[in-house]
Structures are given as structure tokens and as C-alpha cells.
């Protein structure tokens, strides 16, 4: 009988210790979830400034041979203005795609006028889609550059 009583006491003590450990672990999990919900983990109570938040797309006719604004520049930026601009130039025979890094709202290397417009629109939060019309209803890069340098 003494052996059964001793085994019962040992089992009880082990049960209490397992219960305490489980309670501590559950409390830690609840605290971590609360911190995540309140935005306190890694961002000090605000949205993470490195997270993607500013997006804009500019559609345009890059070449004289194409119409319908099938070319585009897409800016994807974080709160600090860092990110990337993706551009797709569509022609009849081929499509070219470019990616340029953006640091503090500035392109490295220099951005085209359409890419710069996408970055500016993203930073200002002025919408996801902008169409750049060209002269006579058509848009082309050469005529815009000529007008900009004149």
C-alpha cells in the first residue's frame, strides 16, 4: 500500500509540474499573439516601414507602332520610398521587361518619365492606374522626350 501511495504522490507532483509548465507556455503564446495584434513586434506599435505599401501603375503607348496603352510601369514601394519599378515595353514583334531599383524615391539608374510618374503616383497614393495620353490621343516616349527637352 505504501508503494501505491508513493507512486500516487510522485504522479501528482509530476502532474502539477507539467501543468505549471503548460500554463507558462500558454501565457507566453497569448502575450506574443497580443503583441502581434497590437503591432508591437518588430515595428514599435506601427506598421513595419519595410513592408510594401505604395503601389501605382502607369499605362502608355511606348512605341509608335502600338496603341491601346499596352506598355506599363509598375512601382512597388515601402514607406521609405524604397522598392522597385517594373516596366514592360510592348511592340508588335516583342515585349521587353525591365526592373529598376528605387531608393528613397529615386531610381538607380535614372528612371524614364513613365517610371518616374509611377514612383510619384505611388508615393502620393494617387491611384493604381494612370494612363498617359500622347499627342493626338497617342503616347510615345520619343515625342514626350522631345517635348521635355524643347
C-alpha atoms as a PDB file:
ATOM      1  CA  UNK A   1       0.000   0.000   0.000  1.00  0.00           C
ATOM      2  CA  UNK A   2       2.822   2.383   0.763  1.00  0.00           C
ATOM      3  CA  UNK A   3       4.290   1.825  -2.708  1.00  0.00           C
ATOM      4  CA  UNK A   4       0.958   2.683  -4.334  1.00  0.00           C
ATOM      5  CA  UNK A   5       0.617   5.805  -2.211  1.00  0.00           C
ATOM      6  CA  UNK A   6       4.192   6.875  -3.055  1.00  0.00           C
ATOM      7  CA  UNK A   7       3.544   6.316  -6.773  1.00  0.00           C
ATOM      8  CA  UNK A   8       0.385   8.388  -6.485  1.00  0.00           C
ATOM      9  CA  UNK A   9       2.284  11.240  -4.816  1.00  0.00           C
ATOM     10  CA  UNK A  10       5.046  11.128  -7.471  1.00  0.00           C
ATOM     11  CA  UNK A  11       2.447  11.081 -10.263  1.00  0.00           C
ATOM     12  CA  UNK A  12       0.643  14.011  -8.629  1.00  0.00           C
ATOM     13  CA  UNK A  13       3.851  16.063  -8.325  1.00  0.00           C
ATOM     14  CA  UNK A  14       4.734  15.329 -11.965  1.00  0.00           C
ATOM     15  CA  UNK A  15       1.214  16.341 -12.995  1.00  0.00           C
ATOM     16  CA  UNK A  16       1.479  19.634 -11.114  1.00  0.00           C
ATOM     17  CA  UNK A  17       4.897  20.406 -12.685  1.00  0.00           C
ATOM     18  CA  UNK A  18       3.603  19.618 -16.203  1.00  0.00           C
ATOM     19  CA  UNK A  19       0.577  21.832 -15.530  1.00  0.00           C
ATOM     20  CA  UNK A  20       2.761  24.749 -14.397  1.00  0.00           C
ATOM     21  CA  UNK A  21       5.000  24.402 -17.471  1.00  0.00           C
ATOM     22  CA  UNK A  22       1.961  24.275 -19.790  1.00  0.00           C
ATOM     23  CA  UNK A  23       0.440  27.327 -18.108  1.00  0.00           C
ATOM     24  CA  UNK A  24       3.646  29.343 -18.560  1.00  0.00           C
ATOM     25  CA  UNK A  25       3.910  28.309 -22.198  1.00  0.00           C
ATOM     26  CA  UNK A  26       0.275  29.218 -22.862  1.00  0.00           C
ATOM     27  CA  UNK A  27       0.736  32.611 -21.174  1.00  0.00           C
ATOM     28  CA  UNK A  28       3.767  33.317 -23.377  1.00  0.00           C
ATOM     29  CA  UNK A  29       1.812  32.365 -26.533  1.00  0.00           C
ATOM     30  CA  UNK A  30      -1.092  34.623 -25.532  1.00  0.00           C
ATOM     31  CA  UNK A  31       1.314  37.512 -24.864  1.00  0.00           C
ATOM     32  CA  UNK A  32       3.012  37.036 -28.281  1.00  0.00           C
ATOM     33  CA  UNK A  33      -0.352  36.953 -30.069  1.00  0.00           C
ATOM     34  CA  UNK A  34      -1.491  40.109 -28.269  1.00  0.00           C
ATOM     35  CA  UNK A  35       1.748  41.872 -29.275  1.00  0.00           C
ATOM     36  CA  UNK A  36       1.270  40.823 -32.907  1.00  0.00           C
ATOM     37  CA  UNK A  37      -2.324  42.063 -32.954  1.00  0.00           C
ATOM     38  CA  UNK A  38      -1.303  45.380 -31.411  1.00  0.00           C
ATOM     39  CA  UNK A  39       1.579  45.773 -33.888  1.00  0.00           C
ATOM     40  CA  UNK A  40       4.288  45.863 -31.245  1.00  0.00           C
ATOM     41  CA  UNK A  41       6.531  43.116 -32.634  1.00  0.00           C
ATOM     42  CA  UNK A  42       9.298  44.494 -34.847  1.00  0.00           C
ATOM     43  CA  UNK A  43       7.533  47.737 -35.640  1.00  0.00           C
ATOM     44  CA  UNK A  44       7.223  49.512 -32.294  1.00  0.00           C
ATOM     45  CA  UNK A  45       3.454  49.898 -32.438  1.00  0.00           C
ATOM     46  CA  UNK A  46       3.215  50.925 -36.104  1.00  0.00           C
ATOM     47  CA  UNK A  47       3.156  49.177 -39.445  1.00  0.00           C
ATOM     48  CA  UNK A  48       6.558  47.841 -40.462  1.00  0.00           C
ATOM     49  CA  UNK A  49       8.143  50.623 -42.612  1.00  0.00           C
ATOM     50  CA  UNK A  50       9.854  47.982 -44.767  1.00  0.00           C
ATOM     51  CA  UNK A  51       6.533  46.449 -45.833  1.00  0.00           C
ATOM     52  CA  UNK A  52       5.159  47.106 -49.309  1.00  0.00           C
ATOM     53  CA  UNK A  53       2.543  49.846 -49.069  1.00  0.00           C
ATOM     54  CA  UNK A  54       2.757  52.223 -52.058  1.00  0.00           C
ATOM     55  CA  UNK A  55       1.683  50.837 -55.442  1.00  0.00           C
ATOM     56  CA  UNK A  56       0.943  52.584 -58.741  1.00  0.00           C
ATOM     57  CA  UNK A  57       0.779  51.567 -62.374  1.00  0.00           C
ATOM     58  CA  UNK A  58       1.143  53.872 -65.369  1.00  0.00           C
ATOM     59  CA  UNK A  59      -0.032  52.614 -68.765  1.00  0.00           C
ATOM     60  CA  UNK A  60       1.164  54.175 -72.011  1.00  0.00           C
ATOM     61  CA  UNK A  61       1.993  53.648 -75.677  1.00  0.00           C
ATOM     62  CA  UNK A  62       5.770  53.299 -75.739  1.00  0.00           C
ATOM     63  CA  UNK A  63       6.130  52.795 -79.494  1.00  0.00           C
ATOM     64  CA  UNK A  64       4.508  54.466 -82.492  1.00  0.00           C
ATOM     65  CA  UNK A  65       3.537  51.090 -83.944  1.00  0.00           C
ATOM     66  CA  UNK A  66       1.346  50.107 -80.975  1.00  0.00           C
ATOM     67  CA  UNK A  67      -1.726  51.673 -79.431  1.00  0.00           C
ATOM     68  CA  UNK A  68      -4.023  50.776 -76.568  1.00  0.00           C
ATOM     69  CA  UNK A  69      -1.652  51.607 -73.720  1.00  0.00           C
ATOM     70  CA  UNK A  70      -0.245  48.057 -73.586  1.00  0.00           C
ATOM     71  CA  UNK A  71       3.089  49.178 -72.128  1.00  0.00           C
ATOM     72  CA  UNK A  72       3.236  49.857 -68.407  1.00  0.00           C
ATOM     73  CA  UNK A  73       5.434  50.841 -65.475  1.00  0.00           C
ATOM     74  CA  UNK A  74       4.565  49.441 -62.037  1.00  0.00           C
ATOM     75  CA  UNK A  75       6.054  50.970 -58.873  1.00  0.00           C
ATOM     76  CA  UNK A  76       6.159  48.863 -55.682  1.00  0.00           C
ATOM     77  CA  UNK A  77       7.499  50.866 -52.721  1.00  0.00           C
ATOM     78  CA  UNK A  78       7.685  50.759 -48.935  1.00  0.00           C
ATOM     79  CA  UNK A  79       7.084  53.651 -46.528  1.00  0.00           C
ATOM     80  CA  UNK A  80      10.656  54.894 -47.004  1.00  0.00           C
ATOM     81  CA  UNK A  81      10.285  55.085 -50.808  1.00  0.00           C
ATOM     82  CA  UNK A  82      12.484  52.041 -51.390  1.00  0.00           C
ATOM     83  CA  UNK A  83      11.420  49.332 -53.799  1.00  0.00           C
ATOM     84  CA  UNK A  84      11.341  48.544 -57.480  1.00  0.00           C
ATOM     85  CA  UNK A  85       9.817  49.768 -60.737  1.00  0.00           C
ATOM     86  CA  UNK A  86       8.879  47.084 -63.250  1.00  0.00           C
ATOM     87  CA  UNK A  87       8.345  48.221 -66.845  1.00  0.00           C
ATOM     88  CA  UNK A  88       7.045  46.306 -69.824  1.00  0.00           C
ATOM     89  CA  UNK A  89       7.503  47.820 -73.291  1.00  0.00           C
ATOM     90  CA  UNK A  90       5.187  46.132 -75.794  1.00  0.00           C
ATOM     91  CA  UNK A  91       5.802  46.130 -79.537  1.00  0.00           C
ATOM     92  CA  UNK A  92       4.347  44.130 -82.401  1.00  0.00           C
ATOM     93  CA  UNK A  93       7.149  41.575 -82.528  1.00  0.00           C
ATOM     94  CA  UNK A  94       8.436  41.543 -78.959  1.00  0.00           C
ATOM     95  CA  UNK A  95       7.935  42.647 -75.396  1.00  0.00           C
ATOM     96  CA  UNK A  96      10.794  43.812 -73.203  1.00  0.00           C
ATOM     97  CA  UNK A  97      10.635  43.868 -69.422  1.00  0.00           C
ATOM     98  CA  UNK A  98      12.859  45.953 -67.158  1.00  0.00           C
ATOM     99  CA  UNK A  99      13.306  46.166 -63.392  1.00  0.00           C
ATOM    100  CA  UNK A 100      14.989  49.133 -61.722  1.00  0.00           C
ATOM    101  CA  UNK A 101      15.658  49.582 -58.013  1.00  0.00           C
ATOM    102  CA  UNK A 102      14.289  52.654 -56.261  1.00  0.00           C
ATOM    103  CA  UNK A 103      15.970  54.111 -53.169  1.00  0.00           C
ATOM    104  CA  UNK A 104      14.283  56.951 -51.266  1.00  0.00           C
ATOM    105  CA  UNK A 105      12.032  57.628 -54.258  1.00  0.00           C
ATOM    106  CA  UNK A 106      14.930  57.921 -56.724  1.00  0.00           C
ATOM    107  CA  UNK A 107      15.758  55.399 -59.438  1.00  0.00           C
ATOM    108  CA  UNK A 108      19.154  53.818 -59.779  1.00  0.00           C
ATOM    109  CA  UNK A 109      19.785  54.064 -62.784  1.00  0.00           C
ATOM    110  CA  UNK A 110      17.742  57.056 -63.903  1.00  0.00           C
ATOM    111  CA  UNK A 111      14.072  56.375 -64.447  1.00  0.00           C
ATOM    112  CA  UNK A 112      12.181  57.011 -67.671  1.00  0.00           C
ATOM    113  CA  UNK A 113       9.420  59.663 -67.488  1.00  0.00           C
ATOM    114  CA  UNK A 114       6.777  56.926 -67.186  1.00  0.00           C
ATOM    115  CA  UNK A 115       8.683  55.126 -64.445  1.00  0.00           C
ATOM    116  CA  UNK A 116       9.169  58.398 -62.566  1.00  0.00           C
ATOM    117  CA  UNK A 117       5.420  59.068 -62.882  1.00  0.00           C
ATOM    118  CA  UNK A 118       4.665  55.616 -61.427  1.00  0.00           C
ATOM    119  CA  UNK A 119       7.002  56.290 -58.460  1.00  0.00           C
ATOM    120  CA  UNK A 120       5.470  59.729 -57.882  1.00  0.00           C
ATOM    121  CA  UNK A 121       1.922  58.344 -58.080  1.00  0.00           C
ATOM    122  CA  UNK A 122       2.803  55.558 -55.651  1.00  0.00           C
ATOM    123  CA  UNK A 123       4.386  57.962 -53.156  1.00  0.00           C
ATOM    124  CA  UNK A 124       1.366  60.297 -53.347  1.00  0.00           C
ATOM    125  CA  UNK A 125      -1.121  57.434 -53.179  1.00  0.00           C
ATOM    126  CA  UNK A 126      -2.941  58.826 -56.205  1.00  0.00           C
ATOM    127  CA  UNK A 127      -4.232  55.545 -57.512  1.00  0.00           C
ATOM    128  CA  UNK A 128      -3.378  52.258 -59.071  1.00  0.00           C
ATOM    129  CA  UNK A 129      -3.843  53.124 -62.724  1.00  0.00           C
ATOM    130  CA  UNK A 130      -2.855  56.193 -64.705  1.00  0.00           C
ATOM    131  CA  UNK A 131      -2.912  56.407 -68.493  1.00  0.00           C
ATOM    132  CA  UNK A 132      -0.519  58.821 -70.166  1.00  0.00           C
ATOM    133  CA  UNK A 133      -2.046  60.038 -73.448  1.00  0.00           C
ATOM    134  CA  UNK A 134       0.248  61.154 -76.206  1.00  0.00           C
ATOM    135  CA  UNK A 135      -0.235  63.861 -78.826  1.00  0.00           C
ATOM    136  CA  UNK A 136      -3.357  63.250 -80.890  1.00  0.00           C
ATOM    137  CA  UNK A 137      -4.557  60.631 -78.447  1.00  0.00           C
ATOM    138  CA  UNK A 138      -1.410  58.510 -78.823  1.00  0.00           C
ATOM    139  CA  UNK A 139       1.538  58.393 -76.479  1.00  0.00           C
ATOM    140  CA  UNK A 140       5.099  57.667 -77.402  1.00  0.00           C
ATOM    141  CA  UNK A 141       8.312  58.046 -75.486  1.00  0.00           C
ATOM    142  CA  UNK A 142      10.226  59.916 -78.244  1.00  0.00           C
ATOM    143  CA  UNK A 143       7.640  62.684 -78.600  1.00  0.00           C
ATOM    144  CA  UNK A 144       7.440  63.162 -74.814  1.00  0.00           C
ATOM    145  CA  UNK A 145      11.219  63.361 -74.507  1.00  0.00           C
ATOM    146  CA  UNK A 146      11.407  65.823 -77.412  1.00  0.00           C
ATOM    147  CA  UNK A 147       8.736  67.977 -75.775  1.00  0.00           C
ATOM    148  CA  UNK A 148      10.533  67.806 -72.423  1.00  0.00           C
ATOM    149  CA  UNK A 149      13.853  68.970 -73.893  1.00  0.00           C
ATOM    150  CA  UNK A 150      12.329  71.715 -76.082  1.00  0.00           C
END
